[in-house]
Structure formats: structure tokens, C-alpha cells
Amino acid sequence: PNMFGDADGEMGMIQNTLGDFPLIGFYAGGEVSFNRLYTYTGVLTLFL
């Protein structure tokens, strides 16, 4: 199931906000920060 109804809902929100530019990404099960493990996190990094 998709959180926003379609497979690329998140991508549409990013393009509507920041404009059309090349974007790549990956999926991971979590994020390690200092001594904690956070699951289901999202990170968007922009190189301008």
C-alpha cells in the first residue's frame, strides 16, 4: 500500500515544491544516529 494513494506521491510533492530537476534516491530500513536506531525515516539531500 502507498501512503499517498499512488506510487509516486512523494515525488510529486517534491517536484511541486522545488521544481523539476534530476533526483535519485534509495530505500533503507532505518537510520543510525549516535547511539539510537530510528526506523522508517526519510532523508532528502540537495546539492545546489
N, C-alpha and C. Protein backbone atom coordinates (compact mmCIF):
# COMPACT_ATOMS: atom_id res chain seq x y z
N PRO A 1 0.82 -1.20 0.00
CA PRO A 1 0.00 0.00 0.00
C PRO A 1 0.86 1.26 0.00
N ASN A 2 0.38 2.26 -0.64
CA ASN A 2 1.09 3.54 -0.71
C ASN A 2 0.47 4.54 0.25
N MET A 3 1.30 5.30 0.90
CA MET A 3 0.81 6.24 1.90
C MET A 3 -0.04 7.36 1.30
N PHE A 4 0.26 7.77 0.07
CA PHE A 4 -0.43 8.90 -0.54
C PHE A 4 -1.33 8.49 -1.70
N GLY A 5 -1.66 7.22 -1.82
CA GLY A 5 -2.61 6.78 -2.83
C GLY A 5 -1.99 6.30 -4.13
N ASP A 6 -0.89 6.88 -4.57
CA ASP A 6 -0.25 6.42 -5.79
C ASP A 6 1.23 6.15 -5.52
N ALA A 7 1.87 5.48 -6.46
CA ALA A 7 3.25 5.03 -6.25
C ALA A 7 4.26 6.17 -6.18
N ASP A 8 3.97 7.31 -6.79
CA ASP A 8 4.94 8.40 -6.82
C ASP A 8 4.40 9.69 -6.19
N GLY A 9 3.60 9.56 -5.16
CA GLY A 9 3.03 10.74 -4.49
C GLY A 9 4.08 11.63 -3.85
N GLU A 10 5.07 11.01 -3.21
CA GLU A 10 6.14 11.79 -2.58
C GLU A 10 6.94 12.55 -3.62
N MET A 11 7.22 11.90 -4.74
CA MET A 11 7.98 12.55 -5.81
C MET A 11 7.21 13.75 -6.37
N GLY A 12 5.92 13.62 -6.51
CA GLY A 12 5.10 14.73 -6.99
C GLY A 12 5.14 15.92 -6.04
N MET A 13 5.12 15.66 -4.73
CA MET A 13 5.20 16.75 -3.76
C MET A 13 6.54 17.47 -3.83
N ILE A 14 7.61 16.71 -4.01
CA ILE A 14 8.95 17.32 -4.12
C ILE A 14 9.04 18.16 -5.38
N GLN A 15 8.56 17.65 -6.52
CA GLN A 15 8.62 18.40 -7.77
C GLN A 15 7.73 19.64 -7.73
N ASN A 16 6.57 19.56 -7.09
CA ASN A 16 5.70 20.74 -6.99
C ASN A 16 6.32 21.83 -6.14
N THR A 17 7.10 21.45 -5.14
CA THR A 17 7.70 22.42 -4.23
C THR A 17 9.01 22.98 -4.77
N LEU A 18 9.88 22.10 -5.28
CA LEU A 18 11.24 22.51 -5.66
C LEU A 18 11.45 22.65 -7.16
N GLY A 19 10.49 22.24 -7.97
CA GLY A 19 10.65 22.31 -9.41
C GLY A 19 11.15 21.00 -9.98
N ASP A 20 11.30 20.96 -11.28
CA ASP A 20 11.70 19.75 -11.99
C ASP A 20 13.22 19.72 -12.12
N PHE A 21 13.86 18.75 -11.49
CA PHE A 21 15.30 18.58 -11.57
C PHE A 21 15.61 17.10 -11.37
N PRO A 22 16.77 16.64 -11.83
CA PRO A 22 17.12 15.23 -11.66
C PRO A 22 17.20 14.86 -10.18
N LEU A 23 16.64 13.72 -9.83
CA LEU A 23 16.62 13.29 -8.43
C LEU A 23 16.74 11.78 -8.37
N ILE A 24 17.62 11.30 -7.53
CA ILE A 24 17.75 9.87 -7.30
C ILE A 24 17.57 9.61 -5.80
N GLY A 25 17.31 8.40 -5.43
CA GLY A 25 17.13 8.08 -4.03
C GLY A 25 17.32 6.60 -3.78
N PHE A 26 17.15 6.23 -2.54
CA PHE A 26 17.25 4.83 -2.16
C PHE A 26 16.35 4.58 -0.96
N TYR A 27 16.10 3.33 -0.69
CA TYR A 27 15.27 2.94 0.44
C TYR A 27 16.12 2.20 1.45
N ALA A 28 15.95 2.51 2.70
CA ALA A 28 16.64 1.80 3.78
C ALA A 28 15.65 1.56 4.91
N GLY A 29 15.92 0.57 5.72
CA GLY A 29 15.01 0.21 6.80
C GLY A 29 15.15 1.09 8.03
N GLY A 30 16.12 1.98 8.07
CA GLY A 30 16.28 2.81 9.25
C GLY A 30 17.47 3.73 9.13
N GLU A 31 17.78 4.37 10.23
CA GLU A 31 18.86 5.35 10.29
C GLU A 31 19.55 5.21 11.64
N VAL A 32 20.87 5.19 11.65
CA VAL A 32 21.64 5.12 12.89
C VAL A 32 22.15 6.51 13.20
N SER A 33 21.86 7.01 14.38
CA SER A 33 22.30 8.33 14.81
C SER A 33 22.80 8.23 16.24
N PHE A 34 24.08 8.46 16.41
CA PHE A 34 24.74 8.32 17.72
C PHE A 34 24.45 6.93 18.28
N ASN A 35 23.76 6.81 19.38
CA ASN A 35 23.52 5.51 19.99
C ASN A 35 22.08 5.03 19.80
N ARG A 36 21.39 5.53 18.79
CA ARG A 36 19.99 5.16 18.56
C ARG A 36 19.78 4.68 17.13
N LEU A 37 18.76 3.85 16.97
CA LEU A 37 18.35 3.37 15.66
C LEU A 37 16.93 3.86 15.40
N TYR A 38 16.76 4.68 14.38
CA TYR A 38 15.45 5.19 14.00
C TYR A 38 14.98 4.43 12.77
N THR A 39 13.74 3.93 12.81
CA THR A 39 13.21 3.18 11.67
C THR A 39 12.21 4.03 10.90
N TYR A 40 12.04 3.70 9.64
CA TYR A 40 11.10 4.39 8.76
C TYR A 40 11.36 5.89 8.71
N THR A 41 12.57 6.25 8.41
CA THR A 41 12.93 7.66 8.29
C THR A 41 13.15 8.00 6.82
N GLY A 42 13.01 9.25 6.50
CA GLY A 42 13.28 9.72 5.15
C GLY A 42 14.25 10.88 5.19
N VAL A 43 15.17 10.90 4.22
CA VAL A 43 16.16 11.96 4.15
C VAL A 43 16.19 12.48 2.73
N LEU A 44 16.11 13.78 2.56
CA LEU A 44 16.23 14.42 1.25
C LEU A 44 17.44 15.34 1.31
N THR A 45 18.41 15.09 0.45
CA THR A 45 19.63 15.89 0.40
C THR A 45 19.69 16.60 -0.94
N LEU A 46 19.90 17.89 -0.93
CA LEU A 46 20.00 18.68 -2.15
C LEU A 46 21.41 19.21 -2.31
N PHE A 47 21.97 19.07 -3.50
CA PHE A 47 23.27 19.65 -3.83
C PHE A 47 23.00 20.80 -4.79
N LEU A 48 23.15 22.01 -4.33
CA LEU A 48 22.85 23.18 -5.16
C LEU A 48 24.10 23.83 -5.66
